[in-house]
Amino acid sequence: MIELAEMIAQLRGELAAAMAAAQDEELRFELGPVQLEAEFAVQRSEAADGRIRFWVVEAGASGQRTASTTHRVTLSLTPRVGDSDQSPWVSGDRSERER
């Protein structure tokens, strides 16, 4: 499992790579809102800080059962470049599993 923040950071990296690939492309696409849906488990730490963590549940996970309860959340992210209201332009090669 990975933490929700790590999943969003990885998504940001993929979008940054697509933006870099768009620099010299004639045909580009403006990136609109990104819908991200994930199942996650909430876990409260027994440590002194009592921290609550959100773990993204991996698709196709093994048949193990845990004491945590899973929830589904949909995040709507609107990418911007820096502090501006500028929407990024993206491009790149088609992924093997992309439709």
PDB file of N, CA and C in Angstrom:
ATOM      1  N   MET A   1       0.844  -1.182   0.000  1.00  0.00           N
ATOM      2  CA  MET A   1       0.000   0.000   0.000  1.00  0.00           C
ATOM      3  C   MET A   1       0.886   1.242   0.000  1.00  0.00           C
ATOM      4  N   ILE A   2       0.380   2.305  -0.589  1.00  0.00           N
ATOM      5  CA  ILE A   2       1.085   3.588  -0.567  1.00  0.00           C
ATOM      6  C   ILE A   2       0.169   4.629   0.067  1.00  0.00           C
ATOM      7  N   GLU A   3       0.761   5.678   0.574  1.00  0.00           N
ATOM      8  CA  GLU A   3      -0.032   6.741   1.166  1.00  0.00           C
ATOM      9  C   GLU A   3      -0.659   7.593   0.066  1.00  0.00           C
ATOM     10  N   LEU A   4      -1.799   8.179   0.377  1.00  0.00           N
ATOM     11  CA  LEU A   4      -2.525   9.021  -0.576  1.00  0.00           C
ATOM     12  C   LEU A   4      -1.636  10.146  -1.100  1.00  0.00           C
ATOM     13  N   ALA A   5      -0.858  10.777  -0.230  1.00  0.00           N
ATOM     14  CA  ALA A   5       0.027  11.870  -0.654  1.00  0.00           C
ATOM     15  C   ALA A   5       1.061  11.386  -1.661  1.00  0.00           C
ATOM     16  N   GLU A   6       1.574  10.162  -1.472  1.00  0.00           N
ATOM     17  CA  GLU A   6       2.556   9.610  -2.402  1.00  0.00           C
ATOM     18  C   GLU A   6       1.920   9.345  -3.767  1.00  0.00           C
ATOM     19  N   MET A   7       0.669   8.867  -3.776  1.00  0.00           N
ATOM     20  CA  MET A   7      -0.024   8.618  -5.034  1.00  0.00           C
ATOM     21  C   MET A   7      -0.212   9.925  -5.811  1.00  0.00           C
ATOM     22  N   ILE A   8      -0.592  10.985  -5.112  1.00  0.00           N
ATOM     23  CA  ILE A   8      -0.787  12.283  -5.761  1.00  0.00           C
ATOM     24  C   ILE A   8       0.557  12.830  -6.263  1.00  0.00           C
ATOM     25  N   ALA A   9       1.626  12.618  -5.501  1.00  0.00           N
ATOM     26  CA  ALA A   9       2.962  13.058  -5.934  1.00  0.00           C
ATOM     27  C   ALA A   9       3.387  12.326  -7.204  1.00  0.00           C
ATOM     28  N   GLN A  10       3.089  11.031  -7.294  1.00  0.00           N
ATOM     29  CA  GLN A  10       3.424  10.266  -8.493  1.00  0.00           C
ATOM     30  C   GLN A  10       2.614  10.753  -9.687  1.00  0.00           C
ATOM     31  N   LEU A  11       1.334  11.075  -9.463  1.00  0.00           N
ATOM     32  CA  LEU A  11       0.495  11.632 -10.528  1.00  0.00           C
ATOM     33  C   LEU A  11       1.070  12.965 -10.999  1.00  0.00           C
ATOM     34  N   ARG A  12       1.504  13.809 -10.066  1.00  0.00           N
ATOM     35  CA  ARG A  12       2.103  15.101 -10.415  1.00  0.00           C
ATOM     36  C   ARG A  12       3.340  14.900 -11.287  1.00  0.00           C
ATOM     37  N   GLY A  13       4.149  13.899 -10.963  1.00  0.00           N
ATOM     38  CA  GLY A  13       5.342  13.596 -11.753  1.00  0.00           C
ATOM     39  C   GLY A  13       4.997  13.174 -13.169  1.00  0.00           C
ATOM     40  N   GLU A  14       3.965  12.347 -13.319  1.00  0.00           N
ATOM     41  CA  GLU A  14       3.533  11.913 -14.646  1.00  0.00           C
ATOM     42  C   GLU A  14       3.017  13.093 -15.468  1.00  0.00           C
ATOM     43  N   LEU A  15       2.260  13.982 -14.834  1.00  0.00           N
ATOM     44  CA  LEU A  15       1.746  15.161 -15.544  1.00  0.00           C
ATOM     45  C   LEU A  15       2.887  16.104 -15.923  1.00  0.00           C
ATOM     46  N   ALA A  16       3.890  16.245 -15.056  1.00  0.00           N
ATOM     47  CA  ALA A  16       5.051  17.087 -15.372  1.00  0.00           C
ATOM     48  C   ALA A  16       5.805  16.519 -16.571  1.00  0.00           C
ATOM     49  N   ALA A  17       5.932  15.188 -16.645  1.00  0.00           N
ATOM     50  CA  ALA A  17       6.603  14.561 -17.783  1.00  0.00           C
ATOM     51  C   ALA A  17       5.814  14.809 -19.070  1.00  0.00           C
ATOM     52  N   ALA A  18       4.494  14.753 -18.994  1.00  0.00           N
ATOM     53  CA  ALA A  18       3.661  15.020 -20.169  1.00  0.00           C
ATOM     54  C   ALA A  18       3.780  16.480 -20.600  1.00  0.00           C
ATOM     55  N   MET A  19       3.891  17.399 -19.638  1.00  0.00           N
ATOM     56  CA  MET A  19       4.072  18.809 -19.969  1.00  0.00           C
ATOM     57  C   MET A  19       5.407  19.030 -20.670  1.00  0.00           C
ATOM     58  N   ALA A  20       6.458  18.381 -20.170  1.00  0.00           N
ATOM     59  CA  ALA A  20       7.781  18.521 -20.782  1.00  0.00           C
ATOM     60  C   ALA A  20       7.769  17.981 -22.205  1.00  0.00           C
ATOM     61  N   ALA A  21       7.044  16.882 -22.429  1.00  0.00           N
ATOM     62  CA  ALA A  21       6.963  16.296 -23.764  1.00  0.00           C
ATOM     63  C   ALA A  21       6.194  17.203 -24.726  1.00  0.00           C
ATOM     64  N   ALA A  22       5.340  18.067 -24.212  1.00  0.00           N
ATOM     65  CA  ALA A  22       4.525  18.945 -25.056  1.00  0.00           C
ATOM     66  C   ALA A  22       5.278  20.167 -25.561  1.00  0.00           C
ATOM     67  N   GLN A  23       6.447  20.453 -24.999  1.00  0.00           N
ATOM     68  CA  GLN A  23       7.178  21.672 -25.338  1.00  0.00           C
ATOM     69  C   GLN A  23       7.388  21.855 -26.834  1.00  0.00           C
ATOM     70  N   ASP A  24       7.768  20.813 -27.540  1.00  0.00           N
ATOM     71  CA  ASP A  24       8.093  20.936 -28.959  1.00  0.00           C
ATOM     72  C   ASP A  24       7.052  20.307 -29.877  1.00  0.00           C
ATOM     73  N   GLU A  25       5.908  19.946 -29.343  1.00  0.00           N
ATOM     74  CA  GLU A  25       4.854  19.314 -30.137  1.00  0.00           C
ATOM     75  C   GLU A  25       3.952  20.371 -30.782  1.00  0.00           C
ATOM     76  N   GLU A  26       3.570  20.136 -32.017  1.00  0.00           N
ATOM     77  CA  GLU A  26       2.632  21.036 -32.665  1.00  0.00           C
ATOM     78  C   GLU A  26       1.217  20.815 -32.146  1.00  0.00           C
ATOM     79  N   LEU A  27       0.855  19.551 -31.932  1.00  0.00           N
ATOM     80  CA  LEU A  27      -0.464  19.211 -31.408  1.00  0.00           C
ATOM     81  C   LEU A  27      -0.333  18.953 -29.916  1.00  0.00           C
ATOM     82  N   ARG A  28      -1.015  19.786 -29.130  1.00  0.00           N
ATOM     83  CA  ARG A  28      -0.981  19.641 -27.682  1.00  0.00           C
ATOM     84  C   ARG A  28      -2.399  19.624 -27.158  1.00  0.00           C
ATOM     85  N   PHE A  29      -2.557  19.219 -25.919  1.00  0.00           N
ATOM     86  CA  PHE A  29      -3.862  19.174 -25.284  1.00  0.00           C
ATOM     87  C   PHE A  29      -3.823  19.965 -23.987  1.00  0.00           C
ATOM     88  N   GLU A  30      -4.838  20.792 -23.795  1.00  0.00           N
ATOM     89  CA  GLU A  30      -4.934  21.508 -22.532  1.00  0.00           C
ATOM     90  C   GLU A  30      -5.440  20.539 -21.482  1.00  0.00           C
ATOM     91  N   LEU A  31      -4.760  20.505 -20.358  1.00  0.00           N
ATOM     92  CA  LEU A  31      -5.138  19.601 -19.287  1.00  0.00           C
ATOM     93  C   LEU A  31      -6.268  20.209 -18.483  1.00  0.00           C
ATOM     94  N   GLY A  32      -7.391  19.524 -18.447  1.00  0.00           N
ATOM     95  CA  GLY A  32      -8.544  19.974 -17.675  1.00  0.00           C
ATOM     96  C   GLY A  32      -8.543  19.316 -16.307  1.00  0.00           C
ATOM     97  N   PRO A  33      -9.668  19.373 -15.622  1.00  0.00           N
ATOM     98  CA  PRO A  33      -9.752  18.737 -14.304  1.00  0.00           C
ATOM     99  C   PRO A  33      -9.403  17.250 -14.376  1.00  0.00           C
ATOM    100  N   VAL A  34      -8.719  16.773 -13.378  1.00  0.00           N
ATOM    101  CA  VAL A  34      -8.313  15.372 -13.298  1.00  0.00           C
ATOM    102  C   VAL A  34      -9.175  14.696 -12.241  1.00  0.00           C
ATOM    103  N   GLN A  35      -9.895  13.653 -12.631  1.00  0.00           N
ATOM    104  CA  GLN A  35     -10.694  12.872 -11.691  1.00  0.00           C
ATOM    105  C   GLN A  35      -9.864  11.680 -11.250  1.00  0.00           C
ATOM    106  N   LEU A  36      -9.656  11.539  -9.985  1.00  0.00           N
ATOM    107  CA  LEU A  36      -8.844  10.471  -9.432  1.00  0.00           C
ATOM    108  C   LEU A  36      -9.700   9.708  -8.438  1.00  0.00           C
ATOM    109  N   GLU A  37      -9.897   8.418  -8.689  1.00  0.00           N
ATOM    110  CA  GLU A  37     -10.700   7.603  -7.785  1.00  0.00           C
ATOM    111  C   GLU A  37      -9.813   6.506  -7.209  1.00  0.00           C
ATOM    112  N   ALA A  38      -9.910   6.306  -5.910  1.00  0.00           N
ATOM    113  CA  ALA A  38      -9.097   5.286  -5.260  1.00  0.00           C
ATOM    114  C   ALA A  38      -9.842   4.722  -4.070  1.00  0.00           C
ATOM    115  N   GLU A  39      -9.517   3.493  -3.742  1.00  0.00           N
ATOM    116  CA  GLU A  39      -9.986   2.907  -2.500  1.00  0.00           C
ATOM    117  C   GLU A  39      -8.864   3.092  -1.492  1.00  0.00           C
ATOM    118  N   PHE A  40      -9.220   3.433  -0.269  1.00  0.00           N
ATOM    119  CA  PHE A  40      -8.182   3.636   0.724  1.00  0.00           C
ATOM    120  C   PHE A  40      -8.617   3.071   2.064  1.00  0.00           C
ATOM    121  N   ALA A  41      -7.646   2.773   2.878  1.00  0.00           N
ATOM    122  CA  ALA A  41      -7.880   2.297   4.237  1.00  0.00           C
ATOM    123  C   ALA A  41      -7.437   3.385   5.198  1.00  0.00           C
ATOM    124  N   VAL A  42      -8.206   3.590   6.235  1.00  0.00           N
ATOM    125  CA  VAL A  42      -7.861   4.574   7.251  1.00  0.00           C
ATOM    126  C   VAL A  42      -7.238   3.827   8.424  1.00  0.00           C
ATOM    127  N   GLN A  43      -6.099   4.298   8.876  1.00  0.00           N
ATOM    128  CA  GLN A  43      -5.395   3.649   9.974  1.00  0.00           C
ATOM    129  C   GLN A  43      -4.981   4.696  10.987  1.00  0.00           C
ATOM    130  N   ARG A  44      -5.323   4.449  12.226  1.00  0.00           N
ATOM    131  CA  ARG A  44      -4.908   5.363  13.300  1.00  0.00           C
ATOM    132  C   ARG A  44      -3.714   4.755  14.010  1.00  0.00           C
ATOM    133  N   SER A  45      -2.680   5.557  14.155  1.00  0.00           N
ATOM    134  CA  SER A  45      -1.447   5.108  14.792  1.00  0.00           C
ATOM    135  C   SER A  45      -1.640   5.008  16.306  1.00  0.00           C
ATOM    136  N   GLU A  46      -1.049   3.981  16.878  1.00  0.00           N
ATOM    137  CA  GLU A  46      -1.089   3.819  18.330  1.00  0.00           C
ATOM    138  C   GLU A  46       0.046   4.583  19.005  1.00  0.00           C
ATOM    139  N   ALA A  47       0.899   5.210  18.224  1.00  0.00           N
ATOM    140  CA  ALA A  47       2.025   5.966  18.771  1.00  0.00           C
ATOM    141  C   ALA A  47       1.523   7.219  19.490  1.00  0.00           C
ATOM    142  N   ALA A  48       2.430   7.910  20.135  1.00  0.00           N
ATOM    143  CA  ALA A  48       2.079   9.091  20.927  1.00  0.00           C
ATOM    144  C   ALA A  48       1.444  10.198  20.094  1.00  0.00           C
ATOM    145  N   ASP A  49       1.811  10.285  18.802  1.00  0.00           N
ATOM    146  CA  ASP A  49       1.257  11.366  17.988  1.00  0.00           C
ATOM    147  C   ASP A  49      -0.183  11.089  17.564  1.00  0.00           C
ATOM    148  N   GLY A  50      -0.653   9.854  17.642  1.00  0.00           N
ATOM    149  CA  GLY A  50      -2.033   9.512  17.298  1.00  0.00           C
ATOM    150  C   GLY A  50      -2.404   9.860  15.877  1.00  0.00           C
ATOM    151  N   ARG A  51      -1.454   9.826  15.000  1.00  0.00           N
ATOM    152  CA  ARG A  51      -1.639  10.244  13.603  1.00  0.00           C
ATOM    153  C   ARG A  51      -2.595   9.323  12.849  1.00  0.00           C
ATOM    154  N   ILE A  52      -3.407   9.907  11.976  1.00  0.00           N
ATOM    155  CA  ILE A  52      -4.285   9.141  11.103  1.00  0.00           C
ATOM    156  C   ILE A  52      -3.667   9.145   9.717  1.00  0.00           C
ATOM    157  N   ARG A  53      -3.597   7.960   9.078  1.00  0.00           N
ATOM    158  CA  ARG A  53      -2.989   7.845   7.752  1.00  0.00           C
ATOM    159  C   ARG A  53      -4.007   7.270   6.784  1.00  0.00           C
ATOM    160  N   PHE A  54      -3.912   7.722   5.548  1.00  0.00           N
ATOM    161  CA  PHE A  54      -4.767   7.228   4.479  1.00  0.00           C
ATOM    162  C   PHE A  54      -3.909   6.413   3.531  1.00  0.00           C
ATOM    163  N   TRP A  55      -4.129   5.120   3.466  1.00  0.00           N
ATOM    164  CA  TRP A  55      -3.365   4.211   2.614  1.00  0.00           C
ATOM    165  C   TRP A  55      -4.197   3.848   1.409  1.00  0.00           C
ATOM    166  N   VAL A  56      -3.636   4.008   0.209  1.00  0.00           N
ATOM    167  CA  VAL A  56      -4.324   3.621  -1.018  1.00  0.00           C
ATOM    168  C   VAL A  56      -4.240   2.101  -1.128  1.00  0.00           C
ATOM    169  N   VAL A  57      -5.381   1.474  -1.376  1.00  0.00           N
ATOM    170  CA  VAL A  57      -5.441   0.025  -1.491  1.00  0.00           C
ATOM    171  C   VAL A  57      -5.069  -0.368  -2.909  1.00  0.00           C
ATOM    172  N   GLU A  58      -4.136  -1.279  -3.043  1.00  0.00           N
ATOM    173  CA  GLU A  58      -3.662  -1.725  -4.350  1.00  0.00           C
ATOM    174  C   GLU A  58      -4.716  -2.588  -5.022  1.00  0.00           C
ATOM    175  N   ALA A  59      -4.964  -2.346  -6.296  1.00  0.00           N
ATOM    176  CA  ALA A  59      -5.894  -3.166  -7.058  1.00  0.00           C
ATOM    177  C   ALA A  59      -5.340  -4.571  -7.166  1.00  0.00           C
ATOM    178  N   GLY A  60      -6.208  -5.554  -7.064  1.00  0.00           N
ATOM    179  CA  GLY A  60      -5.774  -6.937  -7.184  1.00  0.00           C
ATOM    180  C   GLY A  60      -4.987  -7.402  -5.970  1.00  0.00           C
ATOM    181  N   ALA A  61      -5.248  -6.810  -4.817  1.00  0.00           N
ATOM    182  CA  ALA A  61      -4.529  -7.186  -3.602  1.00  0.00           C
ATOM    183  C   ALA A  61      -4.838  -8.633  -3.241  1.00  0.00           C
ATOM    184  N   SER A  62      -3.967  -9.227  -2.451  1.00  0.00           N
ATOM    185  CA  SER A  62      -4.144 -10.626  -2.063  1.00  0.00           C
ATOM    186  C   SER A  62      -5.379 -10.787  -1.192  1.00  0.00           C
ATOM    187  N   GLY A  63      -5.718 -12.018  -0.916  1.00  0.00           N
ATOM    188  CA  GLY A  63      -6.922 -12.316  -0.159  1.00  0.00           C
ATOM    189  C   GLY A  63      -6.790 -12.105   1.334  1.00  0.00           C
ATOM    190  N   GLN A  64      -5.758 -11.446   1.803  1.00  0.00           N
ATOM    191  CA  GLN A  64      -5.597 -11.203   3.229  1.00  0.00           C
ATOM    192  C   GLN A  64      -6.663 -10.252   3.728  1.00  0.00           C
ATOM    193  N   ARG A  65      -7.074 -10.487   4.970  1.00  0.00           N
ATOM    194  CA  ARG A  65      -8.036  -9.592   5.613  1.00  0.00           C
ATOM    195  C   ARG A  65      -7.313  -8.839   6.716  1.00  0.00           C
ATOM    196  N   THR A  66      -7.667  -7.594   6.864  1.00  0.00           N
ATOM    197  CA  THR A  66      -7.075  -6.802   7.940  1.00  0.00           C
ATOM    198  C   THR A  66      -8.195  -6.190   8.760  1.00  0.00           C
ATOM    199  N   ALA A  67      -7.823  -5.553   9.846  1.00  0.00           N
ATOM    200  CA  ALA A  67      -8.801  -4.934  10.725  1.00  0.00           C
ATOM    201  C   ALA A  67      -9.263  -3.579  10.207  1.00  0.00           C
ATOM    202  N   SER A  68      -8.628  -3.054   9.183  1.00  0.00           N
ATOM    203  CA  SER A  68      -9.007  -1.733   8.673  1.00  0.00           C
ATOM    204  C   SER A  68     -10.217  -1.839   7.750  1.00  0.00           C
ATOM    205  N   THR A  69     -10.913  -0.736   7.616  1.00  0.00           N
ATOM    206  CA  THR A  69     -12.068  -0.654   6.735  1.00  0.00           C
ATOM    207  C   THR A  69     -11.667   0.160   5.514  1.00  0.00           C
ATOM    208  N   THR A  70     -12.093  -0.292   4.331  1.00  0.00           N
ATOM    209  CA  THR A  70     -11.754   0.464   3.129  1.00  0.00           C
ATOM    210  C   THR A  70     -12.894   1.387   2.740  1.00  0.00           C
ATOM    211  N   HIS A  71     -12.518   2.494   2.122  1.00  0.00           N
ATOM    212  CA  HIS A  71     -13.467   3.503   1.661  1.00  0.00           C
ATOM    213  C   HIS A  71     -13.074   3.881   0.240  1.00  0.00           C
ATOM    214  N   ARG A  72     -14.014   4.397  -0.521  1.00  0.00           N
ATOM    215  CA  ARG A  72     -13.729   4.877  -1.873  1.00  0.00           C
ATOM    216  C   ARG A  72     -13.869   6.392  -1.874  1.00  0.00           C
ATOM    217  N   VAL A  73     -12.887   7.047  -2.474  1.00  0.00           N
ATOM    218  CA  VAL A  73     -12.919   8.507  -2.540  1.00  0.00           C
ATOM    219  C   VAL A  73     -12.610   8.936  -3.974  1.00  0.00           C
ATOM    220  N   THR A  74     -13.263   9.986  -4.413  1.00  0.00           N
ATOM    221  CA  THR A  74     -12.981  10.579  -5.712  1.00  0.00           C
ATOM    222  C   THR A  74     -12.491  11.996  -5.478  1.00  0.00           C
ATOM    223  N   LEU A  75     -11.315  12.294  -6.003  1.00  0.00           N
ATOM    224  CA  LEU A  75     -10.744  13.628  -5.888  1.00  0.00           C
ATOM    225  C   LEU A  75     -10.833  14.309  -7.237  1.00  0.00           C
ATOM    226  N   SER A  76     -11.218  15.556  -7.246  1.00  0.00           N
ATOM    227  CA  SER A  76     -11.222  16.352  -8.467  1.00  0.00           C
ATOM    228  C   SER A  76     -10.095  17.366  -8.331  1.00  0.00           C
ATOM    229  N   LEU A  77      -9.054  17.201  -9.146  1.00  0.00           N
ATOM    230  CA  LEU A  77      -7.876  18.062  -9.088  1.00  0.00           C
ATOM    231  C   LEU A  77      -7.852  18.956 -10.319  1.00  0.00           C
ATOM    232  N   THR A  78      -7.582  20.228 -10.142  1.00  0.00           N
ATOM    233  CA  THR A  78      -7.483  21.164 -11.253  1.00  0.00           C
ATOM    234  C   THR A  78      -6.038  21.646 -11.335  1.00  0.00           C
ATOM    235  N   PRO A  79      -5.250  21.068 -12.244  1.00  0.00           N
ATOM    236  CA  PRO A  79      -3.829  21.426 -12.356  1.00  0.00           C
ATOM    237  C   PRO A  79      -3.632  22.871 -12.807  1.00  0.00           C
ATOM    238  N   ARG A  80      -2.650  23.530 -12.239  1.00  0.00           N
ATOM    239  CA  ARG A  80      -2.249  24.880 -12.616  1.00  0.00           C
ATOM    240  C   ARG A  80      -0.735  24.924 -12.688  1.00  0.00           C
ATOM    241  N   VAL A  81      -0.203  25.852 -13.464  1.00  0.00           N
ATOM    242  CA  VAL A  81       1.243  26.032 -13.581  1.00  0.00           C
ATOM    243  C   VAL A  81       1.658  27.123 -12.612  1.00  0.00           C
ATOM    244  N   GLY A  82       2.504  26.762 -11.641  1.00  0.00           N
ATOM    245  CA  GLY A  82       2.995  27.731 -10.665  1.00  0.00           C
ATOM    246  C   GLY A  82       1.866  28.406  -9.911  1.00  0.00           C
ATOM    247  N   ASP A  83       2.011  29.712  -9.692  1.00  0.00           N
ATOM    248  CA  ASP A  83       0.997  30.478  -8.968  1.00  0.00           C
ATOM    249  C   ASP A  83      -0.039  31.099  -9.896  1.00  0.00           C
ATOM    250  N   SER A  84       0.050  30.812 -11.187  1.00  0.00           N
ATOM    251  CA  SER A  84      -0.866  31.435 -12.148  1.00  0.00           C
ATOM    252  C   SER A  84      -2.138  30.613 -12.297  1.00  0.00           C
ATOM    253  N   ASP A  85      -3.074  31.129 -13.055  1.00  0.00           N
ATOM    254  CA  ASP A  85      -4.290  30.398 -13.401  1.00  0.00           C
ATOM    255  C   ASP A  85      -4.129  29.679 -14.728  1.00  0.00           C
ATOM    256  N   GLN A  86      -2.905  29.586 -15.218  1.00  0.00           N
ATOM    257  CA  GLN A  86      -2.627  28.968 -16.510  1.00  0.00           C
ATOM    258  C   GLN A  86      -2.793  27.452 -16.420  1.00  0.00           C
ATOM    259  N   SER A  87      -3.582  26.886 -17.339  1.00  0.00           N
ATOM    260  CA  SER A  87      -3.718  25.435 -17.415  1.00  0.00           C
ATOM    261  C   SER A  87      -2.546  24.875 -18.194  1.00  0.00           C
ATOM    262  N   PRO A  88      -2.001  23.749 -17.763  1.00  0.00           N
ATOM    263  CA  PRO A  88      -0.858  23.164 -18.475  1.00  0.00           C
ATOM    264  C   PRO A  88      -1.269  22.516 -19.789  1.00  0.00           C
ATOM    265  N   TRP A  89      -0.308  22.428 -20.693  1.00  0.00           N
ATOM    266  CA  TRP A  89      -0.476  21.723 -21.958  1.00  0.00           C
ATOM    267  C   TRP A  89       0.286  20.418 -21.843  1.00  0.00           C
ATOM    268  N   VAL A  90      -0.321  19.337 -22.315  1.00  0.00           N
ATOM    269  CA  VAL A  90       0.320  18.033 -22.189  1.00  0.00           C
ATOM    270  C   VAL A  90       0.406  17.340 -23.537  1.00  0.00           C
ATOM    271  N   SER A  91       1.339  16.420 -23.629  1.00  0.00           N
ATOM    272  CA  SER A  91       1.529  15.602 -24.816  1.00  0.00           C
ATOM    273  C   SER A  91       2.341  14.400 -24.394  1.00  0.00           C
ATOM    274  N   GLY A  92       2.622  13.529 -25.320  1.00  0.00           N
ATOM    275  CA  GLY A  92       3.468  12.392 -25.016  1.00  0.00           C
ATOM    276  C   GLY A  92       3.079  11.180 -25.824  1.00  0.00           C
ATOM    277  N   ASP A  93       3.900  10.153 -25.709  1.00  0.00           N
ATOM    278  CA  ASP A  93       3.629   8.916 -26.413  1.00  0.00           C
ATOM    279  C   ASP A  93       2.446   8.200 -25.784  1.00  0.00           C
ATOM    280  N   ARG A  94       1.751   7.438 -26.611  1.00  0.00           N
ATOM    281  CA  ARG A  94       0.616   6.672 -26.126  1.00  0.00           C
ATOM    282  C   ARG A  94       1.125   5.531 -25.266  1.00  0.00           C
ATOM    283  N   SER A  95       0.522   5.363 -24.107  1.00  0.00           N
ATOM    284  CA  SER A  95       0.883   4.293 -23.204  1.00  0.00           C
ATOM    285  C   SER A  95       0.332   2.969 -23.714  1.00  0.00           C
ATOM    286  N   GLU A  96       0.964   1.887 -23.322  1.00  0.00           N
ATOM    287  CA  GLU A  96       0.545   0.551 -23.767  1.00  0.00           C
ATOM    288  C   GLU A  96      -0.919   0.257 -23.408  1.00  0.00           C
ATOM    289  N   ARG A  97      -1.357   0.675 -22.224  1.00  0.00           N
ATOM    290  CA  ARG A  97      -2.726   0.382 -21.793  1.00  0.00           C
ATOM    291  C   ARG A  97      -3.679   1.553 -21.994  1.00  0.00           C
ATOM    292  N   GLU A  98      -3.255   2.580 -22.669  1.00  0.00           N
ATOM    293  CA  GLU A  98      -4.083   3.764 -22.890  1.00  0.00           C
ATOM    294  C   GLU A  98      -5.077   3.499 -24.018  1.00  0.00           C
ATOM    295  N   ARG A  99      -6.269   4.007 -23.847  1.00  0.00           N
ATOM    296  CA  ARG A  99      -7.281   3.870 -24.890  1.00  0.00           C
ATOM    297  C   ARG A  99      -7.320   5.071 -25.780  1.00  0.00           C
TER     298      ARG A  99
END
